[in-house]
């Protein structure tokens, strides 16, 4: 396995290796998301104030954003709102309101 890239701040790592037959290159991204999830939990537990007309609703790890882009959700406002409001993704939310 070859480590292509590692960001110590975000704990985002990209690795590349050949599949078991040696015929295809596999590129894999991983990230330790525990700090982001804990930070989101802390933000949910306090009354977050808006920044002018803006309000923070979520904090997403890089690997999640990459997957949302591949799935076409990142660029589709309705699909992204639906994804944010899905209870399975509540760990990425910084408040409990619907978007």
N, C-alpha and C. Protein backbone atom coordinates (compact mmCIF):
# COMPACT_ATOMS: atom_id res chain seq x y z
N UNK A 1 0.85 -1.17 0.00
CA UNK A 1 0.00 0.00 0.00
C UNK A 1 0.89 1.23 0.00
N UNK A 2 0.51 2.22 -0.78
CA UNK A 2 1.25 3.47 -0.86
C UNK A 2 0.42 4.59 -0.26
N UNK A 3 1.00 5.32 0.67
CA UNK A 3 0.32 6.46 1.24
C UNK A 3 0.61 7.66 0.33
N UNK A 4 -0.44 8.16 -0.32
CA UNK A 4 -0.28 9.30 -1.21
C UNK A 4 -0.24 10.60 -0.44
N UNK A 5 -1.14 10.71 0.52
CA UNK A 5 -1.33 12.00 1.13
C UNK A 5 -1.93 11.83 2.52
N UNK A 6 -1.47 12.67 3.48
CA UNK A 6 -2.01 12.65 4.84
C UNK A 6 -2.05 14.08 5.34
N UNK A 7 -3.22 14.52 5.78
CA UNK A 7 -3.39 15.84 6.36
C UNK A 7 -3.51 15.66 7.87
N UNK A 8 -2.51 16.11 8.61
CA UNK A 8 -2.50 15.91 10.05
C UNK A 8 -3.61 16.69 10.76
N UNK A 9 -4.02 17.82 10.20
CA UNK A 9 -5.07 18.63 10.84
C UNK A 9 -6.43 17.95 10.76
N UNK A 10 -6.79 17.46 9.58
CA UNK A 10 -8.11 16.86 9.40
C UNK A 10 -8.09 15.34 9.56
N UNK A 11 -6.92 14.76 9.67
CA UNK A 11 -6.76 13.30 9.78
C UNK A 11 -7.33 12.58 8.55
N UNK A 12 -7.22 13.23 7.41
CA UNK A 12 -7.69 12.69 6.13
C UNK A 12 -6.50 12.08 5.41
N UNK A 13 -6.63 10.82 5.05
CA UNK A 13 -5.52 10.10 4.42
C UNK A 13 -5.99 9.45 3.14
N UNK A 14 -5.18 9.54 2.11
CA UNK A 14 -5.48 8.89 0.83
C UNK A 14 -4.40 7.85 0.54
N UNK A 15 -4.82 6.61 0.31
CA UNK A 15 -3.92 5.50 0.02
C UNK A 15 -4.24 4.95 -1.37
N UNK A 16 -3.25 4.31 -1.94
CA UNK A 16 -3.45 3.65 -3.24
C UNK A 16 -2.75 2.30 -3.21
N UNK A 17 -3.38 1.32 -3.84
CA UNK A 17 -2.78 -0.01 -3.91
C UNK A 17 -3.39 -0.76 -5.10
N UNK A 18 -2.75 -1.82 -5.50
CA UNK A 18 -3.27 -2.68 -6.56
C UNK A 18 -4.21 -3.71 -5.96
N UNK A 19 -5.26 -4.05 -6.69
CA UNK A 19 -6.17 -5.07 -6.19
C UNK A 19 -5.44 -6.41 -6.09
N UNK A 20 -6.10 -7.41 -5.54
CA UNK A 20 -5.42 -8.68 -5.28
C UNK A 20 -4.95 -9.39 -6.54
N UNK A 21 -5.50 -9.03 -7.70
CA UNK A 21 -5.05 -9.62 -8.95
C UNK A 21 -3.95 -8.78 -9.61
N UNK A 22 -3.71 -7.61 -9.05
CA UNK A 22 -2.68 -6.73 -9.59
C UNK A 22 -3.06 -6.05 -10.88
N UNK A 23 -4.36 -5.99 -11.17
CA UNK A 23 -4.78 -5.44 -12.45
C UNK A 23 -5.42 -4.05 -12.36
N UNK A 24 -5.84 -3.64 -11.17
CA UNK A 24 -6.50 -2.34 -11.03
C UNK A 24 -5.92 -1.57 -9.86
N UNK A 25 -5.79 -0.28 -10.05
CA UNK A 25 -5.34 0.61 -8.99
C UNK A 25 -6.55 1.03 -8.17
N UNK A 26 -6.48 0.85 -6.86
CA UNK A 26 -7.55 1.23 -5.96
C UNK A 26 -7.08 2.44 -5.16
N UNK A 27 -7.86 3.51 -5.17
CA UNK A 27 -7.55 4.71 -4.39
C UNK A 27 -8.59 4.78 -3.29
N UNK A 28 -8.13 4.90 -2.06
CA UNK A 28 -9.01 4.84 -0.90
C UNK A 28 -8.75 6.04 0.00
N UNK A 29 -9.81 6.71 0.43
CA UNK A 29 -9.69 7.83 1.36
C UNK A 29 -10.29 7.42 2.69
N UNK A 30 -9.59 7.74 3.76
CA UNK A 30 -10.08 7.47 5.11
C UNK A 30 -9.89 8.72 5.96
N UNK A 31 -10.68 8.82 7.02
CA UNK A 31 -10.55 9.95 7.92
C UNK A 31 -11.09 9.57 9.28
N UNK A 32 -10.36 9.95 10.32
CA UNK A 32 -10.82 9.78 11.69
C UNK A 32 -11.79 10.92 11.98
N UNK A 33 -13.05 10.61 12.13
CA UNK A 33 -14.10 11.63 12.26
C UNK A 33 -14.52 11.86 13.71
N UNK A 34 -13.90 11.21 14.65
CA UNK A 34 -14.33 11.29 16.05
C UNK A 34 -14.31 12.73 16.57
N UNK A 35 -13.28 13.51 16.26
CA UNK A 35 -13.20 14.89 16.73
C UNK A 35 -14.32 15.75 16.13
N UNK A 36 -14.62 15.55 14.86
CA UNK A 36 -15.67 16.32 14.20
C UNK A 36 -17.03 15.99 14.81
N UNK A 37 -17.29 14.71 15.04
CA UNK A 37 -18.56 14.30 15.62
C UNK A 37 -18.71 14.83 17.04
N UNK A 38 -17.64 14.81 17.81
CA UNK A 38 -17.68 15.34 19.18
C UNK A 38 -17.90 16.86 19.16
N UNK A 39 -17.25 17.55 18.24
CA UNK A 39 -17.43 19.00 18.10
C UNK A 39 -18.87 19.32 17.71
N UNK A 40 -19.45 18.54 16.81
CA UNK A 40 -20.85 18.75 16.43
C UNK A 40 -21.78 18.53 17.61
N UNK A 41 -21.50 17.52 18.41
CA UNK A 41 -22.31 17.25 19.60
C UNK A 41 -22.26 18.43 20.56
N UNK A 42 -21.07 18.98 20.75
CA UNK A 42 -20.91 20.14 21.64
C UNK A 42 -21.70 21.34 21.10
N UNK A 43 -21.68 21.56 19.79
CA UNK A 43 -22.44 22.68 19.20
C UNK A 43 -23.95 22.47 19.35
N UNK A 44 -24.41 21.23 19.28
CA UNK A 44 -25.84 20.96 19.45
C UNK A 44 -26.29 21.26 20.87
N UNK A 45 -25.40 21.12 21.84
CA UNK A 45 -25.75 21.29 23.24
C UNK A 45 -25.74 22.74 23.70
N UNK A 46 -25.30 23.66 22.87
CA UNK A 46 -25.32 25.09 23.23
C UNK A 46 -26.23 25.80 22.22
N UNK A 47 -26.72 26.95 22.63
CA UNK A 47 -27.59 27.73 21.75
C UNK A 47 -26.72 28.45 20.73
N UNK A 48 -26.68 27.96 19.50
CA UNK A 48 -25.83 28.57 18.48
C UNK A 48 -26.48 29.84 17.96
N UNK A 49 -25.68 30.88 17.88
CA UNK A 49 -26.17 32.17 17.40
C UNK A 49 -25.87 32.31 15.91
N UNK A 50 -26.79 32.93 15.17
CA UNK A 50 -26.54 33.13 13.75
C UNK A 50 -25.43 34.15 13.51
N UNK A 51 -24.78 34.03 12.36
CA UNK A 51 -23.78 34.99 11.91
C UNK A 51 -24.47 35.88 10.88
N UNK A 52 -25.08 36.96 11.32
CA UNK A 52 -25.90 37.76 10.41
C UNK A 52 -27.11 36.93 10.01
N UNK A 53 -27.28 36.70 8.72
CA UNK A 53 -28.40 35.85 8.27
C UNK A 53 -27.97 34.40 8.11
N UNK A 54 -26.72 34.09 8.39
CA UNK A 54 -26.19 32.74 8.26
C UNK A 54 -26.15 32.04 9.61
N UNK A 55 -26.33 30.73 9.57
CA UNK A 55 -26.25 29.92 10.77
C UNK A 55 -25.60 28.59 10.41
N UNK A 56 -24.70 28.15 11.26
CA UNK A 56 -24.02 26.87 11.02
C UNK A 56 -25.00 25.74 11.30
N UNK A 57 -25.17 24.83 10.34
CA UNK A 57 -26.10 23.71 10.52
C UNK A 57 -25.39 22.37 10.53
N UNK A 58 -24.16 22.31 10.00
CA UNK A 58 -23.46 21.03 9.94
C UNK A 58 -21.96 21.26 9.78
N UNK A 59 -21.22 20.24 10.14
CA UNK A 59 -19.78 20.19 9.89
C UNK A 59 -19.50 18.78 9.36
N UNK A 60 -19.00 18.72 8.14
CA UNK A 60 -18.82 17.43 7.47
C UNK A 60 -17.35 17.10 7.29
N UNK A 61 -16.97 15.85 7.53
CA UNK A 61 -15.62 15.41 7.23
C UNK A 61 -15.37 15.43 5.73
N UNK A 62 -14.13 15.59 5.33
CA UNK A 62 -13.76 15.63 3.91
C UNK A 62 -14.22 14.39 3.16
N UNK A 63 -14.09 13.22 3.78
CA UNK A 63 -14.46 11.98 3.09
C UNK A 63 -15.95 11.92 2.82
N UNK A 64 -16.75 12.52 3.68
CA UNK A 64 -18.20 12.56 3.46
C UNK A 64 -18.52 13.50 2.29
N UNK A 65 -17.85 14.66 2.25
CA UNK A 65 -18.06 15.59 1.14
C UNK A 65 -17.67 14.93 -0.18
N UNK A 66 -16.54 14.21 -0.19
CA UNK A 66 -16.12 13.52 -1.41
C UNK A 66 -17.18 12.52 -1.87
N UNK A 67 -17.76 11.77 -0.93
CA UNK A 67 -18.78 10.78 -1.28
C UNK A 67 -20.04 11.47 -1.78
N UNK A 68 -20.44 12.57 -1.14
CA UNK A 68 -21.62 13.31 -1.58
C UNK A 68 -21.42 13.86 -2.99
N UNK A 69 -20.20 14.29 -3.31
CA UNK A 69 -19.91 14.76 -4.66
C UNK A 69 -20.01 13.62 -5.67
N UNK A 70 -19.45 12.46 -5.32
CA UNK A 70 -19.52 11.31 -6.24
C UNK A 70 -20.96 10.87 -6.47
N UNK A 71 -21.79 10.96 -5.43
CA UNK A 71 -23.19 10.54 -5.54
C UNK A 71 -24.09 11.59 -6.18
N UNK A 72 -23.55 12.79 -6.43
CA UNK A 72 -24.34 13.86 -7.03
C UNK A 72 -25.22 14.61 -6.05
N UNK A 73 -25.09 14.34 -4.77
CA UNK A 73 -25.92 14.99 -3.76
C UNK A 73 -25.39 16.38 -3.42
N UNK A 74 -24.09 16.55 -3.41
CA UNK A 74 -23.46 17.80 -3.00
C UNK A 74 -23.96 18.98 -3.85
N UNK A 75 -24.19 18.78 -5.12
CA UNK A 75 -24.56 19.86 -6.03
C UNK A 75 -26.07 20.03 -6.19
N UNK A 76 -26.84 19.12 -5.63
CA UNK A 76 -28.30 19.16 -5.73
C UNK A 76 -28.87 19.66 -4.41
N UNK A 77 -29.35 20.89 -4.40
CA UNK A 77 -29.79 21.54 -3.16
C UNK A 77 -30.87 20.74 -2.43
N UNK A 78 -31.86 20.23 -3.15
CA UNK A 78 -32.94 19.47 -2.51
C UNK A 78 -32.42 18.14 -1.95
N UNK A 79 -31.60 17.45 -2.72
CA UNK A 79 -31.05 16.17 -2.26
C UNK A 79 -30.14 16.38 -1.06
N UNK A 80 -29.35 17.47 -1.08
CA UNK A 80 -28.46 17.74 0.04
C UNK A 80 -29.26 18.09 1.29
N UNK A 81 -30.31 18.85 1.16
CA UNK A 81 -31.17 19.18 2.31
C UNK A 81 -31.79 17.90 2.86
N UNK A 82 -32.26 17.02 1.96
CA UNK A 82 -32.84 15.75 2.39
C UNK A 82 -31.80 14.92 3.14
N UNK A 83 -30.55 14.91 2.62
CA UNK A 83 -29.47 14.16 3.26
C UNK A 83 -29.18 14.72 4.65
N UNK A 84 -29.13 16.05 4.77
CA UNK A 84 -28.86 16.67 6.07
C UNK A 84 -29.95 16.36 7.09
N UNK A 85 -31.20 16.32 6.64
CA UNK A 85 -32.32 16.09 7.54
C UNK A 85 -32.55 14.61 7.87
N UNK A 86 -31.85 13.72 7.19
CA UNK A 86 -31.98 12.28 7.45
C UNK A 86 -31.45 11.98 8.86
N UNK A 87 -32.23 11.31 9.69
CA UNK A 87 -31.78 10.99 11.05
C UNK A 87 -30.47 10.19 11.11
N UNK A 88 -30.19 9.43 10.06
CA UNK A 88 -28.93 8.66 10.04
C UNK A 88 -27.71 9.56 9.96
N UNK A 89 -27.88 10.81 9.54
CA UNK A 89 -26.77 11.74 9.39
C UNK A 89 -26.75 12.80 10.48
N UNK A 90 -27.46 12.58 11.56
CA UNK A 90 -27.58 13.57 12.63
C UNK A 90 -26.24 13.89 13.30
N UNK A 91 -25.29 12.99 13.23
CA UNK A 91 -23.99 13.23 13.87
C UNK A 91 -23.21 14.34 13.18
N UNK A 92 -23.59 14.67 11.96
CA UNK A 92 -22.92 15.75 11.24
C UNK A 92 -23.60 17.09 11.45
N UNK A 93 -24.77 17.11 12.08
CA UNK A 93 -25.52 18.33 12.32
C UNK A 93 -25.01 19.04 13.57
N UNK A 94 -25.05 20.38 13.53
CA UNK A 94 -24.64 21.18 14.69
C UNK A 94 -25.84 21.79 15.41
N UNK A 95 -27.05 21.47 14.95
CA UNK A 95 -28.27 21.84 15.67
C UNK A 95 -29.33 20.81 15.36
N UNK A 96 -30.48 20.95 16.01
CA UNK A 96 -31.53 19.92 15.86
C UNK A 96 -32.66 20.38 14.94
N UNK A 97 -32.56 21.58 14.38
CA UNK A 97 -33.61 22.09 13.50
C UNK A 97 -33.48 21.47 12.11
N UNK A 98 -34.62 21.45 11.40
CA UNK A 98 -34.59 20.98 10.01
C UNK A 98 -34.07 22.08 9.10
N UNK A 99 -33.40 21.68 8.06
CA UNK A 99 -32.85 22.63 7.08
C UNK A 99 -33.89 22.85 6.00
